[in-house]
């Protein structure tokens, strides 16, 4: 059985994260807390072999990818436009309140990209990464909602929110008869599925 393994890492904290603003595709940079979070995640990934890093083109993801690559002695080999965060339309930049609530519709916000659209474009992008790099171990730095929705589709079950700089590990497994499947083993740095209490 051949496996291609992806560590999906959410970028570190930004000021908008700290202020609980909807960020989406707005290009908000990391803050110092976010940089420290990403360095801590790099330390968690250090005990495994990784080949290279790719990322979303938004600056918070790019800087997070560069920090991880520096800490692990890797290269950021590319930016993947399809891994940008969900577009939230007029809701971007808003905090919870009456104005934001007025934009809510089932599954999101007026003028926003749907969850299905986000998961579809990101799933296609990740399948492309796997197809171009069979057998590799790749760190992919992207965004919380995108990672959550995409892992939910690929793993076949609901995933909770992804923490700033949280990492998830999913493998694309190709059986001897060429049947492919995805296997999720880590969510937010914790083994998945969470073991039942004894």
Protein backbone atom coordinates (compact mmCIF):
# COMPACT_ATOMS: atom_id res chain seq x y z
CA UNK A 1 0.00 0.00 0.00
CA UNK A 2 1.40 3.41 -1.02
CA UNK A 3 0.60 6.49 1.03
CA UNK A 4 0.94 10.22 0.42
CA UNK A 5 0.65 12.12 3.69
CA UNK A 6 -0.50 15.70 4.15
CA UNK A 7 -0.15 17.76 7.34
CA UNK A 8 -2.77 20.50 6.99
CA UNK A 9 -1.81 23.44 9.21
CA UNK A 10 -3.95 26.47 9.91
CA UNK A 11 -2.06 29.77 9.93
CA UNK A 12 -1.26 31.40 13.26
CA UNK A 13 -3.32 34.11 14.93
CA UNK A 14 -3.93 37.52 13.36
CA UNK A 15 -5.31 40.65 15.02
CA UNK A 16 -8.66 39.94 13.36
CA UNK A 17 -8.68 36.44 14.89
CA UNK A 18 -8.03 38.00 18.28
CA UNK A 19 -10.87 40.48 17.70
CA UNK A 20 -13.16 37.68 16.49
CA UNK A 21 -13.67 39.31 13.10
CA UNK A 22 -14.63 37.26 10.06
CA UNK A 23 -11.47 37.17 8.00
CA UNK A 24 -12.14 35.18 4.85
CA UNK A 25 -10.05 36.36 1.93
CA UNK A 26 -9.09 39.66 3.56
CA UNK A 27 -5.29 39.65 3.63
CA UNK A 28 -4.57 40.16 7.33
CA UNK A 29 -1.00 39.44 8.54
CA UNK A 30 0.09 37.30 11.48
CA UNK A 31 0.61 38.95 14.84
CA UNK A 32 3.37 38.03 17.30
CA UNK A 33 1.14 35.51 19.07
CA UNK A 34 0.48 33.84 15.72
CA UNK A 35 4.18 33.59 14.94
CA UNK A 36 4.81 31.93 18.30
CA UNK A 37 1.92 29.51 17.70
CA UNK A 38 3.37 28.48 14.34
CA UNK A 39 6.83 27.90 15.83
CA UNK A 40 5.22 25.66 18.47
CA UNK A 41 3.45 23.66 15.75
CA UNK A 42 6.70 23.30 13.84
CA UNK A 43 8.20 21.78 16.99
CA UNK A 44 5.37 19.21 17.07
CA UNK A 45 6.02 18.28 13.44
CA UNK A 46 9.79 18.02 13.90
CA UNK A 47 9.77 14.38 15.03
CA UNK A 48 8.55 13.23 11.60
CA UNK A 49 10.07 13.45 8.14
CA UNK A 50 8.55 15.99 5.76
CA UNK A 51 9.54 16.73 2.18
CA UNK A 52 8.37 20.28 1.50
CA UNK A 53 5.74 22.93 2.27
CA UNK A 54 3.02 24.47 0.10
CA UNK A 55 0.52 27.12 1.10
CA UNK A 56 -2.36 29.45 0.37
CA UNK A 57 -1.26 32.74 -1.21
CA UNK A 58 -2.69 34.90 1.60
CA UNK A 59 0.06 36.53 3.67
CA UNK A 60 -0.91 34.94 6.99
CA UNK A 61 -0.57 31.48 5.42
CA UNK A 62 2.59 32.37 3.49
CA UNK A 63 4.37 33.66 6.59
CA UNK A 64 3.23 30.65 8.61
CA UNK A 65 4.58 28.37 5.86
CA UNK A 66 7.90 30.22 5.80
CA UNK A 67 8.26 29.91 9.59
CA UNK A 68 7.54 26.17 9.49
CA UNK A 69 9.91 25.65 6.57
CA UNK A 70 12.68 27.58 8.34
CA UNK A 71 12.20 25.67 11.60
CA UNK A 72 12.24 22.28 9.84
CA UNK A 73 14.90 22.98 7.22
CA UNK A 74 12.43 22.66 4.34
CA UNK A 75 11.45 24.75 1.32
CA UNK A 76 8.13 26.38 0.51
CA UNK A 77 7.82 25.10 -3.05
CA UNK A 78 4.59 26.77 -4.11
CA UNK A 79 1.43 28.71 -3.42
CA UNK A 80 -1.90 27.15 -4.38
CA UNK A 81 -4.61 29.73 -5.17
CA UNK A 82 -7.43 27.23 -4.57
CA UNK A 83 -6.40 26.99 -0.90
CA UNK A 84 -7.43 30.58 -0.04
CA UNK A 85 -9.98 30.86 2.74
CA UNK A 86 -13.72 30.89 2.15
CA UNK A 87 -15.02 34.14 0.68
CA UNK A 88 -17.54 35.61 3.13
CA UNK A 89 -18.80 38.48 0.98
CA UNK A 90 -20.06 41.52 2.90
CA UNK A 91 -19.55 39.69 6.21
CA UNK A 92 -15.76 39.94 5.97
CA UNK A 93 -14.28 42.17 8.65
CA UNK A 94 -17.41 42.06 10.80
CA UNK A 95 -17.74 41.03 14.42
CA UNK A 96 -20.84 39.39 15.85
CA UNK A 97 -23.73 41.81 16.11
CA UNK A 98 -26.99 42.87 14.49
CA UNK A 99 -25.34 43.90 11.20
CA UNK A 100 -23.67 40.51 10.80
CA UNK A 101 -26.76 38.59 11.87
CA UNK A 102 -28.76 40.40 9.18
CA UNK A 103 -26.50 38.83 6.56
CA UNK A 104 -26.93 35.27 7.82
CA UNK A 105 -28.65 32.69 5.64
CA UNK A 106 -28.75 28.89 6.09
CA UNK A 107 -25.19 27.59 5.72
CA UNK A 108 -23.47 30.98 5.73
CA UNK A 109 -23.92 34.60 4.70
CA UNK A 110 -25.38 36.56 1.80
CA UNK A 111 -22.96 36.74 -1.16
CA UNK A 112 -20.56 34.30 0.52
CA UNK A 113 -19.05 31.22 -1.05
CA UNK A 114 -20.97 28.10 -0.02
CA UNK A 115 -19.43 25.39 2.14
CA UNK A 116 -19.82 22.95 -0.76
CA UNK A 117 -17.90 25.25 -3.10
CA UNK A 118 -15.06 25.63 -0.60
CA UNK A 119 -14.75 21.89 0.01
CA UNK A 120 -14.94 21.10 -3.73
CA UNK A 121 -12.16 23.47 -4.83
CA UNK A 122 -9.88 22.56 -1.92
CA UNK A 123 -10.44 18.81 -2.39
CA UNK A 124 -9.52 19.11 -6.07
CA UNK A 125 -6.40 21.09 -5.15
CA UNK A 126 -5.27 18.52 -2.56
CA UNK A 127 -5.91 15.63 -4.94
CA UNK A 128 -3.72 17.46 -7.43
CA UNK A 129 -0.93 17.80 -4.86
CA UNK A 130 -1.15 14.06 -4.16
CA UNK A 131 -1.21 13.15 -7.87
CA UNK A 132 1.91 15.24 -8.56
CA UNK A 133 3.81 13.93 -5.51
CA UNK A 134 2.90 10.28 -4.88
CA UNK A 135 4.46 8.90 -1.73
CA UNK A 136 5.59 12.31 -0.44
CA UNK A 137 5.01 13.81 3.01
CA UNK A 138 3.84 17.38 2.53
CA UNK A 139 2.96 20.24 4.88
CA UNK A 140 0.05 22.31 3.53
CA UNK A 141 -0.57 25.67 5.24
CA UNK A 142 -4.05 27.07 4.74
CA UNK A 143 -7.09 28.31 6.68
CA UNK A 144 -9.39 27.05 9.40
CA UNK A 145 -12.76 26.89 7.65
CA UNK A 146 -11.22 25.51 4.46
CA UNK A 147 -9.35 22.78 6.36
CA UNK A 148 -12.42 21.84 8.43
CA UNK A 149 -14.75 21.60 5.44
CA UNK A 150 -12.27 19.75 3.26
CA UNK A 151 -11.35 17.19 5.91
CA UNK A 152 -15.04 16.60 6.59
CA UNK A 153 -15.54 15.68 2.92
CA UNK A 154 -12.36 13.63 2.49
CA UNK A 155 -12.72 11.72 5.77
CA UNK A 156 -16.47 11.20 5.48
CA UNK A 157 -17.33 12.65 8.89
CA UNK A 158 -17.83 16.03 10.57
CA UNK A 159 -14.75 17.85 11.87
CA UNK A 160 -14.88 20.54 14.55
CA UNK A 161 -13.21 23.94 14.20
CA UNK A 162 -9.45 24.10 13.63
CA UNK A 163 -7.40 26.13 16.11
CA UNK A 164 -4.91 28.79 15.06
CA UNK A 165 -1.75 26.88 14.02
CA UNK A 166 -3.60 23.62 14.67
CA UNK A 167 -2.41 20.75 12.52
CA UNK A 168 -4.24 17.78 11.06
CA UNK A 169 -2.75 14.76 9.32
CA UNK A 170 -4.49 12.88 6.51
CA UNK A 171 -3.06 10.20 4.24
CA UNK A 172 -4.09 9.25 0.74
CA UNK A 173 -3.76 5.47 0.60
CA UNK A 174 -3.49 3.53 -2.64
CA UNK A 175 -4.10 -0.19 -2.18
CA UNK A 176 -2.38 -2.84 -4.29
CA UNK A 177 -5.50 -3.09 -6.47
CA UNK A 178 -5.29 0.72 -7.11
CA UNK A 179 -8.27 1.51 -4.88
CA UNK A 180 -7.76 4.88 -3.17
CA UNK A 181 -9.02 6.13 0.17
CA UNK A 182 -8.25 8.89 2.66
CA UNK A 183 -7.33 8.16 6.28
CA UNK A 184 -7.47 10.94 8.89
CA UNK A 185 -5.19 10.35 11.90
CA UNK A 186 -4.71 13.74 13.65
CA UNK A 187 -7.06 16.71 14.21
CA UNK A 188 -5.86 19.83 16.02
CA UNK A 189 -2.71 17.99 17.06
CA UNK A 190 -4.65 15.14 18.71
CA UNK A 191 -4.99 11.53 17.52
CA UNK A 192 -8.22 10.98 15.57
CA UNK A 193 -10.68 9.59 16.21
CA UNK A 194 -10.43 10.53 19.86
CA UNK A 195 -10.24 7.29 21.89
CA UNK A 196 -13.26 6.47 24.05
CA UNK A 197 -12.60 6.92 27.79
CA UNK A 198 -11.81 3.64 29.57
